Amino acid sequence: MKVINNPNRADWNSILERPTFSIESLDLVVNEVFKTVQNEGDTALKKYTEKFDGVYIDDFSVSDVEIENAINQVSEELKRAIQLAKNNIEIFHASQKIEKKIITTSVGVECWQESRGIEKVGIYIPAGSAPLFSTVLMLGIPAKIADCKEIILCTPPDKNGSINPAILYTANLCGVTKIFKVGGIQAIAAFTFGTESIPNVYKIFGPGNQYVTAAKQVALSKGIAIDMPAGPSELLVLADELANADFVASDLLSQVEHGADSQVICISKSEQFLKNVEKELLTQLAQLPRKDIATRAIENSKLILLENENDILDMINEYAPEHFILVVKNEDFYLDGIINAGSVFIGNYTPESAGDYASGTNHTLPTNGFAKSYSGVNLDAFVKKITFQKITKEGIQNIGPAIELMASAEGLGAHKNAVTLRLESLKDK
């Protein structure tokens, strides 16, 4: 990893630059697939599944028999682990429900807000070298709590035309209503336009490679909402002598194994601590099953020595990390000052992996600096909030004259007249 000592603020932008991630070069492929799926439906899905996934699929729907077989293939030990995670995620996301509260803004004027689940949501689950059944939990559970009527999941098949059993087991456990063996760009296109087999949806959720990310941007341009702009996984750790260097190294490696374009950063006021982390990181790296991927990602990563606490806080907020681990003596200073981060992990015994799987928070988080303006996925991502108002005769008499004046000042006579007629009808009553 590259070591940087007390960098000048003028150099921060270049130091904190993410790995290059551009969707422009993918546009030709993505747009071709979208156009073909829109025009040819399931025929296009079959063609692209055979081309990109190496298997011919005649029926994309996952049957009840396949789900039952998958349930039987998942070990009882893993089922218990998934159930524990499910319970914690449900508790945390159910707590985000907001009860209806009627507010009287003026005498005779009542206003309130109610949530309604998005009727049709699409969940995309990658299933390459790492079948992300944990993401099924993170997206399926809040969708169910939000009362989304249709929760449709797409995930790519393997070379035998099958879906990873843990994905099917978890999807069934979370109440996913339909599951399809479709991956990549073609799955996002199916979510966007609908085909003979796969219904279109109103919002698309889930991670994916650069092609899926580019496809979600195209879906957005076609009027389909997406969870957030996405990019490679990232982690920033701030640690001092309170931290365990072995733990910090393991956390850094937990993110670089996601992909070669992932990035991790460790900031410390102690040069010796950074050296200890680097040494331990290399030791642990040699033992990883995905060490080739992690090694390439480490080339994008940095160890930064920074001694001034205000500078450290400013650098963290400037970077706006997807994941932020904080293990320092003066943690309150940073907890009070952090404004840009997807999710924060505090103390030696709070690994980022806990948030990925089982603590209860959601692991679908903004990357690439979008934590400056986006939240991670939560219950609100699966609902629309509708406002209501009810005005009595006394209420319209209280606020009507103000509405008339404001509408008149804007030159909107019909707006004014809609109030005037009502006020006139009440004059002799």
Protein backbone atom coordinates (compact mmCIF):
# COMPACT_ATOMS: atom_id res chain seq x y z
CA MET A 1 0.00 0.00 0.00
CA LYS A 2 1.14 3.53 -0.68
CA VAL A 3 2.17 5.43 2.46
CA ILE A 4 1.55 9.20 2.53
CA ASN A 5 2.92 11.44 5.29
CA ASN A 6 1.07 14.62 6.32
CA PRO A 7 -0.21 15.58 2.86
CA ASN A 8 -1.00 19.21 2.06
CA ARG A 9 -4.67 20.06 1.63
CA ALA A 10 -3.94 21.08 -1.94
CA ASP A 11 -3.08 17.45 -2.67
CA TRP A 12 -6.07 15.83 -0.99
CA ASN A 13 -8.19 15.54 -4.13
CA SER A 14 -5.56 13.54 -5.97
CA ILE A 15 -4.73 11.44 -2.90
CA LEU A 16 -8.39 10.58 -2.27
CA GLU A 17 -9.21 9.87 -5.90
CA ARG A 18 -11.14 6.67 -6.43
CA PRO A 19 -10.15 4.05 -9.01
CA THR A 20 -11.34 5.11 -12.44
CA PHE A 21 -14.90 3.96 -12.96
CA SER A 22 -16.54 5.18 -16.14
CA ILE A 23 -19.78 3.90 -17.63
CA GLU A 24 -19.40 5.80 -20.90
CA SER A 25 -17.37 3.01 -22.52
CA LEU A 26 -20.11 0.53 -21.63
CA ASP A 27 -22.94 2.52 -23.17
CA LEU A 28 -22.79 0.81 -26.56
CA VAL A 29 -23.21 -2.68 -25.09
CA VAL A 30 -25.80 -1.63 -22.51
CA ASN A 31 -27.96 0.30 -24.98
CA GLU A 32 -27.88 -2.57 -27.48
CA VAL A 33 -29.06 -5.06 -24.86
CA PHE A 34 -31.78 -2.70 -23.63
CA LYS A 35 -33.08 -2.10 -27.15
CA THR A 36 -33.12 -5.81 -27.97
CA VAL A 37 -34.86 -6.79 -24.72
CA GLN A 38 -37.46 -4.05 -25.26
CA ASN A 39 -38.18 -5.32 -28.78
CA GLU A 40 -37.78 -9.08 -28.37
CA GLY A 41 -38.62 -9.81 -24.72
CA ASP A 42 -37.88 -13.35 -23.55
CA THR A 43 -36.22 -14.23 -26.86
CA ALA A 44 -33.57 -11.60 -26.14
CA LEU A 45 -33.16 -12.81 -22.56
CA LYS A 46 -32.49 -16.35 -23.78
CA LYS A 47 -29.93 -15.11 -26.31
CA TYR A 48 -28.04 -12.94 -23.83
CA THR A 49 -28.15 -15.51 -21.04
CA GLU A 50 -26.55 -18.04 -23.37
CA LYS A 51 -24.00 -15.46 -24.56
CA PHE A 52 -23.00 -13.95 -21.20
CA ASP A 53 -23.71 -16.79 -18.73
CA GLY A 54 -22.91 -19.76 -20.94
CA VAL A 55 -26.20 -21.59 -20.45
CA TYR A 56 -29.48 -21.85 -22.34
CA ILE A 57 -32.55 -21.19 -20.19
CA ASP A 58 -35.98 -21.99 -21.59
CA ASP A 59 -38.00 -21.11 -18.49
CA PHE A 60 -36.62 -18.27 -16.38
CA SER A 61 -39.02 -18.76 -13.46
CA VAL A 62 -37.75 -20.58 -10.38
CA SER A 63 -40.26 -23.29 -9.50
CA ASP A 64 -41.57 -24.32 -6.09
CA VAL A 65 -39.74 -27.63 -6.52
CA GLU A 66 -36.44 -25.83 -7.05
CA ILE A 67 -37.04 -23.76 -3.92
CA GLU A 68 -37.83 -26.88 -1.88
CA ASN A 69 -34.69 -28.59 -3.14
CA ALA A 70 -32.64 -25.52 -2.25
CA ILE A 71 -34.09 -25.42 1.27
CA ASN A 72 -33.00 -29.03 1.76
CA GLN A 73 -29.48 -28.30 0.47
CA VAL A 74 -28.73 -25.47 2.91
CA SER A 75 -27.18 -26.73 6.12
CA GLU A 76 -29.04 -26.27 9.39
CA GLU A 77 -26.06 -24.34 10.73
CA LEU A 78 -26.22 -21.81 7.90
CA LYS A 79 -30.00 -21.59 8.23
CA ARG A 80 -29.59 -20.63 11.90
CA ALA A 81 -27.03 -17.98 10.99
CA ILE A 82 -29.31 -16.53 8.30
CA GLN A 83 -32.24 -16.54 10.73
CA LEU A 84 -30.20 -14.66 13.35
CA ALA A 85 -29.25 -12.05 10.78
CA LYS A 86 -32.86 -11.84 9.55
CA ASN A 87 -34.13 -11.19 13.08
CA ASN A 88 -31.67 -8.36 13.68
CA ILE A 89 -32.30 -6.75 10.29
CA GLU A 90 -36.07 -6.94 10.86
CA ILE A 91 -35.80 -5.34 14.29
CA PHE A 92 -33.68 -2.47 13.01
CA HIS A 93 -35.73 -1.74 9.89
CA ALA A 94 -39.11 -2.14 11.60
CA SER A 95 -38.01 0.55 14.04
CA GLN A 96 -37.91 2.98 11.09
CA LYS A 97 -41.67 2.88 10.64
CA ILE A 98 -43.32 6.23 11.34
CA GLU A 99 -46.82 6.27 12.78
CA LYS A 100 -49.49 8.51 11.29
CA LYS A 101 -49.58 11.82 13.14
CA ILE A 102 -52.24 14.43 12.37
CA ILE A 103 -50.97 18.00 12.74
CA THR A 104 -53.27 20.99 13.13
CA THR A 105 -51.41 23.79 11.34
CA SER A 106 -54.25 26.31 11.87
CA VAL A 107 -57.69 26.06 13.42
CA GLY A 108 -59.72 23.90 11.06
CA VAL A 109 -56.69 22.81 9.00
CA GLU A 110 -55.35 19.28 9.51
CA CYS A 111 -52.33 17.83 7.69
CA TRP A 112 -50.64 14.45 7.90
CA GLN A 113 -48.33 12.09 6.08
CA GLU A 114 -48.67 8.38 5.39
CA SER A 115 -46.28 5.85 3.86
CA ARG A 116 -47.27 3.51 1.05
CA GLY A 117 -45.02 0.70 -0.12
CA ILE A 118 -43.79 0.87 -3.70
CA GLU A 119 -46.03 -1.65 -5.44
CA LYS A 120 -43.39 -3.40 -7.58
CA VAL A 121 -39.69 -3.53 -6.71
CA GLY A 122 -36.91 -5.39 -8.45
CA ILE A 123 -34.00 -6.87 -6.52
CA TYR A 124 -30.83 -7.76 -8.38
CA ILE A 125 -28.49 -10.25 -6.68
CA PRO A 126 -25.04 -10.97 -8.17
CA ALA A 127 -24.02 -14.62 -8.14
CA GLY A 128 -20.57 -14.93 -9.63
CA SER A 129 -17.63 -15.83 -7.44
CA ALA A 130 -19.55 -14.55 -4.40
CA PRO A 131 -23.30 -15.37 -4.38
CA LEU A 132 -24.60 -12.54 -2.20
CA PHE A 133 -27.48 -14.13 -0.32
CA SER A 134 -26.82 -11.56 2.43
CA THR A 135 -28.02 -8.87 0.03
CA VAL A 136 -31.32 -10.75 -0.31
CA LEU A 137 -31.79 -10.15 3.41
CA MET A 138 -30.82 -6.48 3.15
CA LEU A 139 -33.30 -5.76 0.36
CA GLY A 140 -36.02 -8.36 0.81
CA ILE A 141 -36.66 -7.65 4.49
CA PRO A 142 -37.32 -3.88 4.26
CA ALA A 143 -39.37 -4.45 1.10
CA LYS A 144 -41.59 -6.84 3.04
CA ILE A 145 -41.85 -4.53 6.05
CA ALA A 146 -42.76 -1.66 3.69
CA ASP A 147 -45.59 -3.82 2.29
CA CYS A 148 -44.36 -3.81 -1.30
CA LYS A 149 -46.92 -5.96 -3.15
CA GLU A 150 -44.50 -7.51 -5.65
CA ILE A 151 -40.89 -8.24 -4.71
CA ILE A 152 -39.22 -9.62 -7.84
CA LEU A 153 -35.71 -11.02 -7.73
CA CYS A 154 -33.36 -11.64 -10.64
CA THR A 155 -30.04 -13.44 -10.29
CA PRO A 156 -27.81 -15.10 -12.90
CA PRO A 157 -27.85 -18.89 -13.32
CA ASP A 158 -24.72 -21.03 -13.11
CA LYS A 159 -23.45 -23.19 -15.98
CA ASN A 160 -26.03 -25.84 -15.07
CA GLY A 161 -28.91 -23.39 -15.17
CA SER A 162 -29.28 -23.42 -11.40
CA ILE A 163 -29.38 -20.75 -8.67
CA ASN A 164 -27.22 -20.93 -5.56
CA PRO A 165 -29.32 -22.73 -2.89
CA ALA A 166 -28.57 -20.11 -0.21
CA ILE A 167 -29.97 -17.37 -2.46
CA LEU A 168 -33.19 -19.32 -3.05
CA TYR A 169 -33.53 -20.26 0.61
CA THR A 170 -33.06 -16.66 1.74
CA ALA A 171 -35.40 -15.25 -0.90
CA ASN A 172 -38.14 -17.66 0.17
CA LEU A 173 -37.52 -16.82 3.84
CA CYS A 174 -37.84 -13.08 3.17
CA GLY A 175 -41.09 -13.31 1.24
CA VAL A 176 -39.79 -12.59 -2.27
CA THR A 177 -42.78 -13.13 -4.54
CA LYS A 178 -41.08 -14.14 -7.82
CA ILE A 179 -37.56 -15.33 -8.64
CA PHE A 180 -36.03 -15.43 -12.12
CA LYS A 181 -32.82 -16.93 -13.51
CA VAL A 182 -31.61 -13.85 -15.34
CA GLY A 183 -28.50 -11.78 -14.72
CA GLY A 184 -26.50 -8.84 -15.94
CA ILE A 185 -27.66 -6.07 -18.24
CA GLN A 186 -30.54 -8.18 -19.53
CA ALA A 187 -32.02 -8.53 -16.04
CA ILE A 188 -32.02 -4.77 -15.51
CA ALA A 189 -33.55 -4.31 -18.97
CA ALA A 190 -36.28 -6.83 -18.08
CA PHE A 191 -37.00 -4.93 -14.87
CA THR A 192 -37.25 -1.75 -16.96
CA PHE A 193 -39.50 -2.85 -19.82
CA GLY A 194 -41.00 -6.14 -18.70
CA THR A 195 -41.05 -9.27 -20.88
CA GLU A 196 -43.44 -12.17 -21.37
CA SER A 197 -42.01 -13.78 -18.21
CA ILE A 198 -40.68 -10.96 -16.08
CA PRO A 199 -42.87 -8.02 -15.03
CA ASN A 200 -41.53 -4.50 -15.12
CA VAL A 201 -40.93 -2.79 -11.78
CA TYR A 202 -41.08 0.76 -10.43
CA LYS A 203 -37.73 0.74 -8.63
CA ILE A 204 -34.56 -1.36 -8.95
CA PHE A 205 -32.30 -2.27 -6.04
CA GLY A 206 -29.07 -4.18 -5.70
CA PRO A 207 -25.34 -4.21 -6.45
CA GLY A 208 -23.54 -5.56 -9.48
CA ASN A 209 -20.51 -5.23 -11.70
CA GLN A 210 -19.79 -2.26 -13.94
CA TYR A 211 -22.25 -3.52 -16.56
CA VAL A 212 -25.09 -3.78 -14.05
CA THR A 213 -24.21 -0.35 -12.66
CA ALA A 214 -24.28 1.17 -16.15
CA ALA A 215 -27.55 -0.64 -16.88
CA LYS A 216 -29.17 0.85 -13.77
CA GLN A 217 -28.22 4.32 -14.96
CA VAL A 218 -29.91 3.58 -18.31
CA ALA A 219 -32.98 2.29 -16.45
CA LEU A 220 -33.09 5.58 -14.57
CA SER A 221 -33.07 7.45 -17.87
CA LYS A 222 -36.07 5.34 -18.92
CA GLY A 223 -38.11 6.47 -15.92
CA ILE A 224 -37.39 3.59 -13.52
CA ALA A 225 -36.11 4.62 -10.08
CA ILE A 226 -32.94 3.04 -8.66
CA ASP A 227 -31.67 2.75 -5.12
CA MET A 228 -28.56 4.93 -5.61
CA PRO A 229 -25.56 5.50 -7.87
CA ALA A 230 -23.11 2.71 -7.17
CA GLY A 231 -19.43 2.03 -7.55
CA PRO A 232 -16.70 -0.24 -6.19
CA SER A 233 -16.68 -1.06 -2.47
CA GLU A 234 -14.63 1.15 -0.15
CA LEU A 235 -13.57 1.48 3.48
CA LEU A 236 -11.81 4.17 5.50
CA VAL A 237 -10.33 3.30 8.90
CA LEU A 238 -9.22 5.88 11.46
CA ALA A 239 -7.16 4.27 14.21
CA ASP A 240 -4.66 5.11 16.93
CA GLU A 241 -2.79 3.13 19.57
CA LEU A 242 -6.16 2.07 21.06
CA ALA A 243 -6.71 -0.06 17.96
CA ASN A 244 -5.50 -3.58 17.29
CA ALA A 245 -3.37 -3.57 14.12
CA ASP A 246 -4.35 -7.17 13.36
CA PHE A 247 -8.04 -6.23 13.46
CA VAL A 248 -7.51 -3.17 11.27
CA ALA A 249 -5.60 -5.18 8.67
CA SER A 250 -8.39 -7.76 8.58
CA ASP A 251 -10.99 -5.04 8.04
CA LEU A 252 -9.02 -3.52 5.18
CA LEU A 253 -8.71 -6.92 3.53
CA SER A 254 -12.42 -7.61 3.99
CA GLN A 255 -13.14 -4.85 1.50
CA VAL A 256 -10.37 -5.33 -1.06
CA GLU A 257 -11.48 -8.92 -1.61
CA HIS A 258 -14.73 -7.59 -3.15
CA GLY A 259 -13.06 -6.62 -6.40
CA ALA A 260 -9.89 -5.34 -8.00
CA ASP A 261 -11.40 -1.85 -8.22
CA SER A 262 -12.19 -1.66 -4.48
CA GLN A 263 -10.33 0.85 -2.33
CA VAL A 264 -9.35 1.04 1.34
CA ILE A 265 -7.68 3.84 3.29
CA CYS A 266 -6.22 3.81 6.79
CA ILE A 267 -5.50 7.11 8.55
CA SER A 268 -3.53 7.35 11.79
CA LYS A 269 -1.53 9.86 13.81
CA SER A 270 1.03 7.13 14.50
CA GLU A 271 3.59 6.20 11.87
CA GLN A 272 4.51 3.05 13.80
CA PHE A 273 0.88 1.94 13.89
CA LEU A 274 0.63 2.28 10.11
CA LYS A 275 3.77 0.17 9.72
CA ASN A 276 2.26 -2.49 11.99
CA VAL A 277 -0.94 -2.50 9.94
CA GLU A 278 0.96 -2.83 6.67
CA LYS A 279 3.03 -5.72 7.99
CA GLU A 280 0.00 -7.58 9.31
CA LEU A 281 -1.95 -6.91 6.12
CA LEU A 282 0.70 -8.63 4.01
CA THR A 283 0.75 -11.60 6.39
CA GLN A 284 -3.03 -12.04 6.27
CA LEU A 285 -3.19 -11.40 2.53
CA ALA A 286 -1.10 -14.47 1.81
CA GLN A 287 -3.76 -16.66 3.47
CA LEU A 288 -6.79 -15.30 1.58
CA PRO A 289 -8.60 -17.46 -0.97
CA ARG A 290 -9.23 -14.29 -3.05
CA LYS A 291 -5.72 -12.91 -2.61
CA ASP A 292 -5.23 -12.21 -6.33
CA ILE A 293 -8.25 -9.88 -6.37
CA ALA A 294 -7.26 -8.32 -3.05
CA THR A 295 -3.68 -7.74 -4.21
CA ARG A 296 -4.85 -5.76 -7.24
CA ALA A 297 -7.22 -3.69 -5.09
CA ILE A 298 -4.43 -2.84 -2.64
CA GLU A 299 -2.76 -0.95 -5.48
CA ASN A 300 -5.67 1.54 -5.24
CA SER A 301 -5.31 1.83 -1.46
CA LYS A 302 -3.38 4.09 0.92
CA LEU A 303 -1.98 4.45 4.41
CA ILE A 304 -2.06 8.11 5.47
CA LEU A 305 -0.17 9.68 8.37
CA LEU A 306 -2.02 12.80 9.53
CA GLU A 307 -1.42 14.39 12.90
CA ASN A 308 -3.94 17.21 13.26
CA GLU A 309 -7.41 16.06 14.37
CA ASN A 310 -9.27 18.81 12.53
CA ASP A 311 -7.43 17.91 9.33
CA ILE A 312 -8.28 14.25 9.85
CA LEU A 313 -11.97 15.01 10.29
CA ASP A 314 -11.99 17.25 7.23
CA MET A 315 -10.29 14.55 5.15
CA ILE A 316 -12.82 11.92 6.20
CA ASN A 317 -15.75 14.19 5.34
CA GLU A 318 -14.15 15.09 2.03
CA TYR A 319 -13.69 11.43 1.12
CA ALA A 320 -17.22 10.51 2.34
CA PRO A 321 -16.53 6.78 2.75
CA GLU A 322 -19.05 4.05 2.16
CA HIS A 323 -17.80 2.36 5.35
CA PHE A 324 -16.00 4.20 8.16
CA ILE A 325 -14.33 2.34 11.03
CA LEU A 326 -13.38 4.45 14.05
CA VAL A 327 -11.06 3.09 16.73
CA VAL A 328 -9.52 6.01 18.64
CA LYS A 329 -9.40 7.34 22.18
CA ASN A 330 -11.11 10.61 21.26
CA GLU A 331 -14.02 8.96 19.44
CA ASP A 332 -16.63 11.53 20.50
CA PHE A 333 -14.81 14.28 18.58
CA TYR A 334 -15.16 12.30 15.35
CA LEU A 335 -18.65 10.98 16.03
CA ASP A 336 -19.88 14.54 16.59
CA GLY A 337 -18.06 15.82 13.51
CA ILE A 338 -18.68 13.14 10.91
CA ILE A 339 -21.27 14.27 8.37
CA ASN A 340 -20.37 12.25 5.27
CA ALA A 341 -20.34 8.47 5.63
CA GLY A 342 -22.53 5.59 4.59
CA SER A 343 -22.18 3.55 7.77
CA VAL A 344 -19.96 3.95 10.85
CA PHE A 345 -18.38 1.14 12.88
CA ILE A 346 -17.08 2.06 16.34
CA GLY A 347 -14.45 0.30 18.43
CA ASN A 348 -12.17 -2.71 18.23
CA TYR A 349 -15.00 -5.23 18.23
CA THR A 350 -17.18 -3.74 15.50
CA PRO A 351 -15.86 -5.12 12.21
CA GLU A 352 -17.35 -3.89 8.96
CA SER A 353 -18.35 -7.51 8.31
CA ALA A 354 -20.93 -7.18 11.09
CA GLY A 355 -22.81 -4.59 9.08
CA ASP A 356 -22.48 -6.71 5.95
CA TYR A 357 -24.26 -9.61 7.57
CA ALA A 358 -25.91 -9.59 10.93
CA SER A 359 -25.80 -6.51 13.18
CA GLY A 360 -29.06 -5.21 11.69
CA THR A 361 -28.03 -2.17 9.66
CA ASN A 362 -28.23 -2.27 5.87
CA HIS A 363 -25.14 -2.97 3.78
CA THR A 364 -26.45 -1.33 0.60
CA LEU A 365 -24.60 1.97 0.91
CA PRO A 366 -23.53 4.97 -1.20
CA THR A 367 -20.04 4.75 -2.70
CA ASN A 368 -17.80 6.98 -4.79
CA GLY A 369 -18.38 10.02 -2.57
CA PHE A 370 -22.18 9.85 -2.84
CA ALA A 371 -22.39 9.61 0.95
CA LYS A 372 -22.26 13.42 0.78
CA SER A 373 -25.80 13.42 -0.58
CA TYR A 374 -27.27 9.90 -0.36
CA SER A 375 -28.31 7.66 2.53
CA GLY A 376 -27.83 3.94 2.53
CA VAL A 377 -30.86 1.78 1.79
CA ASN A 378 -33.41 1.88 4.61
CA LEU A 379 -37.15 1.44 4.99
CA ASP A 380 -37.81 4.82 3.37
CA ALA A 381 -36.22 3.55 0.15
CA PHE A 382 -39.14 1.16 -0.32
CA VAL A 383 -41.98 3.59 0.36
CA LYS A 384 -43.49 6.77 -0.99
CA LYS A 385 -44.78 9.31 1.49
CA ILE A 386 -48.13 10.82 0.63
CA THR A 387 -49.36 14.00 2.30
CA PHE A 388 -53.01 14.57 3.22
CA GLN A 389 -54.96 17.62 4.31
CA LYS A 390 -58.52 18.23 5.45
CA ILE A 391 -59.93 21.74 5.86
CA THR A 392 -63.18 22.66 7.58
CA LYS A 393 -65.36 25.70 6.90
CA GLU A 394 -63.64 27.54 9.72
CA GLY A 395 -60.27 26.44 8.36
CA ILE A 396 -60.80 27.84 4.85
CA GLN A 397 -62.01 31.09 6.41
CA ASN A 398 -58.78 31.27 8.43
CA ILE A 399 -56.30 30.67 5.62
CA GLY A 400 -58.39 31.52 2.55
CA PRO A 401 -57.63 35.28 2.42
CA ALA A 402 -53.90 34.58 2.53
CA ILE A 403 -54.25 32.08 -0.32
CA GLU A 404 -56.22 34.64 -2.37
CA LEU A 405 -53.53 37.29 -1.89
CA MET A 406 -50.68 34.95 -2.75
CA ALA A 407 -52.40 33.53 -5.83
CA SER A 408 -53.28 37.00 -7.04
CA ALA A 409 -49.68 38.15 -6.54
CA GLU A 410 -48.50 35.28 -8.73
CA GLY A 411 -51.08 36.09 -11.39
CA LEU A 412 -52.89 32.77 -11.02
CA GLY A 413 -56.55 33.82 -11.09
CA ALA A 414 -58.03 30.32 -11.18
CA HIS A 415 -56.15 29.42 -8.01
CA LYS A 416 -57.58 32.52 -6.32
CA ASN A 417 -61.07 31.80 -7.62
CA ALA A 418 -61.09 28.27 -6.19
CA VAL A 419 -60.81 29.84 -2.74
CA THR A 420 -62.97 32.90 -3.39
CA LEU A 421 -65.97 30.78 -4.42
CA ARG A 422 -65.77 28.84 -1.18
CA LEU A 423 -65.41 31.95 0.96
CA GLU A 424 -68.34 33.63 -0.79
CA SER A 425 -70.51 30.54 -0.19
CA LEU A 426 -69.87 30.88 3.56
CA LYS A 427 -70.59 34.60 3.97
CA ASP A 428 -74.26 34.32 4.82
CA LYS A 429 -73.96 31.16 6.92
